[in-house]
Protein backbone atom coordinates (compact mmCIF):
# COMPACT_ATOMS: atom_id res chain seq x y z
CA MET A 1 186.85 118.17 -75.13
CA PRO A 2 182.76 117.93 -76.38
CA GLU A 3 181.52 114.71 -77.05
CA THR A 4 182.17 112.46 -79.98
CA ALA A 5 178.29 112.59 -80.93
CA ALA A 6 178.39 116.60 -80.95
CA LEU A 7 181.60 116.30 -83.19
CA LEU A 8 180.08 113.77 -85.65
CA ALA A 9 176.97 116.23 -85.90
CA HIS A 10 179.22 118.76 -87.12
CA LEU A 11 181.28 116.63 -89.31
CA GLU A 12 177.45 115.77 -90.78
CA SER A 13 176.43 119.01 -91.24
CA MET A 14 179.43 120.35 -92.66
CA ARG A 15 179.68 117.39 -95.26
CA ARG A 16 176.05 118.37 -96.27
CA ILE A 17 176.95 122.01 -97.08
CA ARG A 18 180.06 120.92 -98.51
CA SER A 19 178.04 118.33 -100.64
CA PHE A 20 175.61 120.62 -101.63
CA GLU A 21 178.36 122.99 -102.78
CA GLU A 22 179.91 120.19 -105.11
CA GLU A 23 176.37 119.51 -106.51
CA VAL A 24 175.89 123.33 -107.07
CA THR A 25 179.20 123.32 -109.41
CA ARG A 26 178.24 120.59 -111.38
CA LEU A 27 174.64 122.15 -112.00
CA ARG A 28 176.03 125.40 -112.70
CA ALA A 29 178.71 123.97 -115.55
CA SER A 30 176.06 121.82 -116.95
CA GLY A 31 173.64 125.08 -117.65
CA ASP A 32 170.99 123.46 -115.14
CA ILE A 33 171.63 126.69 -112.92
CA VAL A 34 172.09 129.90 -114.12
CA GLY A 35 173.32 133.47 -113.15
CA SER A 36 175.85 134.28 -110.67
CA VAL A 37 176.86 131.81 -107.90
CA HIS A 38 178.91 132.44 -104.90
CA LEU A 39 180.06 129.23 -102.80
CA CYS A 40 181.14 128.56 -99.45
CA ASN A 41 183.33 125.96 -99.52
CA GLY A 42 186.04 125.78 -96.83
CA GLN A 43 183.96 128.19 -94.59
CA GLU A 44 181.72 125.47 -93.80
CA ALA A 45 182.35 125.42 -89.86
CA ILE A 46 181.13 128.85 -88.99
CA TYR A 47 177.41 128.00 -90.50
CA THR A 48 177.46 124.96 -88.50
CA GLY A 49 178.62 126.17 -85.42
CA ALA A 50 176.85 129.39 -85.04
CA CYS A 51 173.43 127.70 -85.61
CA ALA A 52 173.90 125.05 -82.99
CA ALA A 53 174.51 127.77 -80.62
CA LEU A 54 170.82 129.48 -81.80
CA ASP A 55 167.49 128.98 -81.16
CA LEU A 56 166.21 129.19 -84.48
CA THR A 57 162.62 129.11 -83.41
CA ARG A 58 163.02 132.71 -82.37
CA ASP A 59 166.42 133.89 -83.03
CA ALA A 60 166.91 135.16 -86.97
CA VAL A 61 170.17 134.95 -89.04
CA PHE A 62 170.63 137.30 -91.54
CA PRO A 63 173.78 135.92 -93.84
CA THR A 64 175.45 137.52 -97.30
CA TYR A 65 174.93 136.42 -100.62
CA ARG A 66 177.14 133.40 -99.98
CA GLY A 67 174.16 132.04 -98.06
CA HIS A 68 173.77 128.25 -99.10
CA GLY A 69 175.48 126.89 -95.86
CA TRP A 70 173.69 129.34 -93.89
CA THR A 71 170.57 127.74 -95.08
CA LEU A 72 171.12 124.58 -95.04
CA ALA A 73 172.89 125.13 -91.30
CA CYS A 74 169.47 126.45 -90.15
CA GLY A 75 167.94 123.19 -91.25
CA ALA A 76 166.27 124.02 -94.67
CA PRO A 77 166.00 120.95 -96.83
CA PRO A 78 168.07 120.53 -99.43
CA ARG A 79 165.69 119.78 -102.23
CA ALA A 80 163.77 122.83 -101.95
CA LEU A 81 166.89 124.83 -102.06
CA PHE A 82 168.36 122.84 -104.93
CA ALA A 83 165.06 123.75 -106.78
CA GLU A 84 165.19 127.32 -105.57
CA LEU A 85 168.55 127.53 -107.13
CA LEU A 86 167.26 126.04 -110.37
CA GLY A 87 164.30 128.11 -111.17
CA ARG A 88 161.64 125.25 -109.89
CA ALA A 89 158.19 126.09 -108.67
CA THR A 90 158.90 123.93 -105.50
CA GLY A 91 162.11 126.06 -104.32
CA ILE A 92 162.11 127.47 -101.04
CA ASN A 93 160.78 130.39 -102.48
CA GLY A 94 158.92 129.72 -105.58
CA GLY A 95 162.11 130.07 -107.73
CA ARG A 96 162.05 133.59 -107.40
CA GLY A 97 165.13 134.08 -105.33
CA GLY A 98 167.79 132.07 -107.03
CA SER A 99 171.26 131.92 -105.59
CA ALA A 100 171.47 135.03 -104.23
CA TYR A 101 168.52 136.16 -102.95
CA LEU A 102 166.80 133.52 -101.09
CA THR A 103 165.31 133.19 -97.82
CA ALA A 104 163.99 130.71 -95.32
CA PRO A 105 162.12 132.63 -92.44
CA GLU A 106 160.33 129.21 -91.11
CA TYR A 107 163.95 128.05 -90.60
CA GLY A 108 165.13 131.29 -88.99
CA MET A 109 166.89 132.47 -92.30
CA TYR A 110 165.72 135.90 -92.95
CA GLY A 111 167.24 136.18 -96.36
CA GLU A 112 170.43 137.13 -98.21
CA ASN A 113 171.45 140.33 -99.11
CA SER A 114 173.57 141.36 -102.47
CA ILE A 115 174.32 144.85 -100.63
CA VAL A 116 177.50 144.25 -98.89
CA GLY A 117 176.78 144.82 -95.45
CA ALA A 118 173.50 145.47 -95.96
CA GLY A 119 172.50 142.84 -93.88
CA ALA A 120 173.94 144.47 -90.43
CA PRO A 121 171.00 147.27 -90.47
CA ILE A 122 168.36 144.68 -90.83
CA ALA A 123 169.32 142.44 -88.22
CA ALA A 124 169.55 145.71 -85.97
CA GLY A 125 166.01 145.92 -87.07
CA ALA A 126 165.14 142.83 -86.18
CA ALA A 127 166.89 142.90 -82.81
CA LEU A 128 165.08 146.49 -81.94
CA ALA A 129 162.01 144.77 -82.42
CA ALA A 130 162.70 142.08 -80.09
CA THR A 131 163.24 144.58 -77.21
CA PHE A 132 159.58 145.51 -77.58
CA ASP A 133 157.80 142.17 -78.91
CA GLY A 134 159.15 139.98 -75.35
CA SER A 135 160.16 137.35 -77.69
CA GLY A 136 163.75 137.27 -76.37
CA ARG A 137 165.09 137.21 -80.28
CA VAL A 138 168.72 137.37 -80.81
CA ALA A 139 169.42 138.79 -84.43
CA LEU A 140 172.78 137.65 -86.23
CA ALA A 141 174.52 139.29 -89.16
CA ALA A 142 176.87 137.59 -90.99
CA PHE A 143 179.30 139.00 -93.83
CA GLY A 144 182.60 139.27 -94.90
CA ASP A 145 185.73 140.95 -94.06
CA GLY A 146 185.29 143.67 -96.87
CA ALA A 147 181.96 144.49 -95.65
CA MET A 148 183.57 146.14 -92.30
CA ASN A 149 184.24 149.10 -94.50
CA GLN A 150 180.64 149.59 -95.20
CA GLY A 151 178.86 152.96 -93.65
CA ALA A 152 175.78 150.82 -93.30
CA VAL A 153 177.98 148.42 -91.24
CA HIS A 154 179.28 151.03 -88.99
CA GLU A 155 175.90 152.41 -88.25
CA ALA A 156 174.41 149.47 -87.82
CA MET A 157 177.30 148.72 -84.95
CA ASN A 158 176.84 152.11 -83.43
CA PHE A 159 173.14 151.93 -83.19
CA ALA A 160 173.14 148.34 -81.73
CA ALA A 161 175.96 149.51 -79.10
CA VAL A 162 173.80 152.90 -78.20
CA ARG A 163 170.50 150.89 -77.81
CA SER A 164 172.40 147.63 -76.28
CA LEU A 165 170.64 145.78 -78.74
CA PRO A 166 170.63 141.81 -79.05
CA VAL A 167 172.49 141.07 -82.20
CA ILE A 168 175.71 139.53 -83.22
CA PHE A 169 178.18 140.77 -85.79
CA LEU A 170 179.78 137.61 -87.29
CA VAL A 171 182.73 138.51 -89.92
CA GLU A 172 183.57 135.51 -91.87
CA ASN A 173 187.19 136.70 -92.58
CA ASN A 174 188.55 134.53 -95.37
CA HIS A 175 191.43 137.17 -95.91
CA TYR A 176 190.27 138.47 -99.22
CA SER A 177 187.59 141.16 -99.85
CA GLU A 178 186.21 139.51 -103.15
CA LEU A 179 189.52 139.48 -104.79
CA THR A 180 191.56 142.24 -102.73
CA PRO A 181 193.68 140.84 -99.48
CA ILE A 182 191.98 142.30 -96.42
CA ALA A 183 195.39 143.23 -95.45
CA ASP A 184 195.78 145.62 -98.54
CA MET A 185 192.42 147.23 -97.52
CA VAL A 186 192.74 148.38 -93.92
CA ARG A 187 195.78 149.60 -91.57
CA VAL A 188 194.79 147.14 -88.81
CA ASP A 189 193.27 143.80 -90.23
CA ARG A 190 192.53 142.49 -86.41
CA LEU A 191 188.91 143.51 -87.28
CA PHE A 192 187.42 142.42 -84.06
CA LYS A 193 189.13 145.95 -82.26
CA ARG A 194 186.90 147.65 -83.98
CA ALA A 195 184.09 146.53 -81.19
CA SER A 196 185.83 148.52 -78.92
CA ALA A 197 185.18 151.96 -80.81
CA TYR A 198 181.78 151.43 -79.96
CA GLY A 199 181.62 150.28 -76.82
CA PHE A 200 181.17 146.07 -76.94
CA PRO A 201 183.14 143.50 -76.92
CA GLY A 202 185.11 141.85 -80.13
CA ALA A 203 186.82 138.69 -80.65
CA ARG A 204 188.58 136.65 -82.80
CA ILE A 205 187.87 133.05 -83.07
CA ASP A 206 188.70 129.85 -85.22
CA GLY A 207 186.61 129.85 -87.87
CA ASN A 208 187.88 126.71 -89.32
CA ASP A 209 186.53 124.77 -85.99
CA PRO A 210 182.82 124.26 -85.69
CA GLU A 211 182.86 123.96 -81.93
CA ALA A 212 184.98 126.79 -81.07
CA VAL A 213 182.33 129.24 -83.27
CA ARG A 214 179.54 127.34 -81.17
CA GLN A 215 180.92 128.41 -78.05
CA ALA A 216 181.68 131.66 -79.03
CA VAL A 217 178.18 132.46 -80.65
CA ALA A 218 176.54 130.68 -77.69
CA GLU A 219 178.26 133.22 -74.89
CA ALA A 220 177.58 135.79 -77.11
CA VAL A 221 173.67 134.86 -77.62
CA ARG A 222 173.86 134.42 -73.73
CA ARG A 223 175.07 138.30 -73.10
CA ALA A 224 172.91 139.75 -76.21
CA ARG A 225 169.64 137.89 -74.60
CA SER A 226 170.64 138.95 -71.10
CA GLY A 227 170.40 142.30 -72.54
CA ALA A 228 173.87 143.25 -72.26
CA GLY A 229 174.17 144.23 -76.02
CA PRO A 230 175.96 143.67 -78.98
CA VAL A 231 179.20 141.36 -79.89
CA LEU A 232 181.48 141.38 -82.39
CA LEU A 233 182.94 138.15 -83.60
CA GLU A 234 185.87 137.68 -86.28
CA ALA A 235 185.54 133.91 -87.73
CA MET A 236 188.93 133.46 -89.38
CA THR A 237 188.64 130.99 -92.28
CA GLN A 238 189.75 130.20 -95.87
CA ARG A 239 187.68 129.76 -99.21
CA ILE A 240 188.87 126.94 -100.74
CA VAL A 241 187.26 128.02 -104.50
CA GLY A 242 186.94 131.36 -106.00
CA HIS A 243 184.86 134.47 -104.56
CA TYR A 244 182.46 133.31 -107.44
CA ILE A 245 182.02 130.25 -109.89
CA GLY A 246 184.25 131.28 -112.67
CA ASP A 247 186.92 132.96 -110.58
CA ALA A 248 190.63 132.10 -111.70
CA GLN A 249 191.89 133.13 -108.74
CA HIS A 250 194.72 134.40 -110.38
CA TYR A 251 195.22 136.73 -107.30
CA ARG A 252 196.00 134.14 -104.66
CA PRO A 253 199.67 133.81 -104.07
CA ALA A 254 201.89 130.20 -104.90
CA GLY A 255 201.06 128.19 -102.10
CA ASP A 256 197.87 130.27 -100.72
CA LEU A 257 195.02 127.61 -101.88
CA ASP A 258 197.36 124.59 -100.78
CA ALA A 259 197.79 126.13 -97.02
CA ALA A 260 193.59 126.75 -97.17
CA LEU A 261 193.11 122.95 -98.11
CA ALA A 262 195.09 121.89 -95.50
CA ALA A 263 193.47 123.61 -92.81
CA GLU A 264 189.99 123.72 -94.15
CA PRO A 265 187.32 122.19 -91.65
CA ILE A 266 186.24 118.75 -92.74
CA GLY A 267 189.42 117.32 -93.09
CA ARG A 268 190.91 118.72 -89.80
CA LEU A 269 187.86 117.69 -87.83
CA THR A 270 187.88 114.45 -89.78
CA ARG A 271 191.45 113.77 -88.49
CA GLU A 272 190.61 115.16 -85.01
CA LEU A 273 187.87 112.17 -84.93
CA LEU A 274 190.05 109.48 -85.88
CA ALA A 275 192.38 110.72 -83.24
CA LEU A 276 189.81 109.89 -80.90
CA GLY A 277 189.14 106.69 -81.63
CA VAL A 278 186.26 106.85 -84.29
CA ALA A 279 186.47 104.02 -86.77
CA GLN A 280 187.14 105.08 -90.46
CA SER A 281 184.46 102.93 -91.65
CA GLU A 282 182.26 105.05 -89.51
CA LEU A 283 182.91 108.35 -91.00
CA ASP A 284 183.14 107.23 -94.67
CA GLU A 285 179.40 105.92 -94.26
CA LEU A 286 178.42 109.39 -92.94
CA THR A 287 180.17 110.72 -96.04
CA ALA A 288 178.34 108.50 -98.50
CA ARG A 289 174.97 108.83 -96.53
CA VAL A 290 175.27 112.32 -96.97
CA ASP A 291 176.20 112.49 -100.77
CA ARG A 292 173.37 110.14 -101.32
CA GLU A 293 170.88 112.50 -99.85
CA ILE A 294 172.28 115.61 -101.80
CA ALA A 295 172.26 113.23 -104.63
CA ASP A 296 168.73 112.46 -104.24
CA ALA A 297 167.55 115.90 -103.72
CA SER A 298 169.36 117.24 -106.60
CA ALA A 299 167.77 114.59 -108.72
CA ARG A 300 164.07 115.28 -107.21
CA ALA A 301 164.50 118.91 -107.91
CA LEU A 302 165.86 118.71 -111.33
CA ALA A 303 162.78 116.71 -111.94
CA ASP A 304 160.30 119.39 -110.55
CA PRO A 305 158.22 121.88 -113.25
CA LEU A 306 159.86 125.39 -113.57
CA ALA A 307 158.48 128.17 -112.20
CA ASP A 308 155.59 129.87 -114.14
CA PRO A 309 156.85 132.78 -115.45
CA SER A 310 153.46 134.33 -115.91
CA THR A 311 153.71 134.85 -111.78
CA VAL A 312 156.80 136.90 -112.11
CA LEU A 313 155.25 140.05 -110.59
CA GLU A 314 153.85 138.28 -107.56
CA HIS A 315 155.07 139.14 -104.36
CA LEU A 316 156.47 142.19 -105.23
CA TYR A 317 156.28 145.29 -102.97
CA ALA A 318 156.85 149.14 -103.81
């Protein structure tokens, strides 16, 4: 059993991500944030647990376009992330990346990717570089269950296996490939079993338990850093919002969302901490403190200047 302090740290991290996403929802509704936005409400335990197991001074995370939670769990400041989504000059990428293309390499987060599954070969490349540069780096590629059917993911896994690369392939299985149940997409929906075909280990883990995720990723990191090669982890979770803001979720059967809300990680860990004897007042103060932090970060970012349109062609490479 992990120490209570470690569980409280997990809860704080997850609450920060949830509060951030709730504020993004408000800013998108008000028109302050524009464009497509994909929220991660309900999947926070994956980011919190995984990042707790990484050494982000050298390890590299390559998330999907649903990347706000990964960025925050890596340690990026909420104000700079809000500013990025708001198109402010103070954004973490100067307002150029927006919701789906932001990157924060100084925090170990090496960029979202809106091409489904495209982060996997990029992570394999970072892992390949680590075999030459002596950094001891482990790369983690995160993608959804639908991305497992992409050719680039297959090629990345095969290449990583052949070269015994220090890379972790982490599937955020929220049961839906965009709007289609994963069970309708594949014959065998236990996706971790595909690892055996490439010759490396795979495991299904509880993606709503941040400590279970931390332990699994820590073991995968240990293995990868020792030179034993890649691992495939299938983290089972549910999102409690649509695939994107505006998704009416008509495809979800009756009771599906209620079940996801009952199992979501923040409520679950809160109940666990109460059972361990943590006072409700302490948990309430944690939530209030994080919510104040996020509200302040949002307000400050809204007051920041917009990015200068005349610089739009800067930082482009061809």
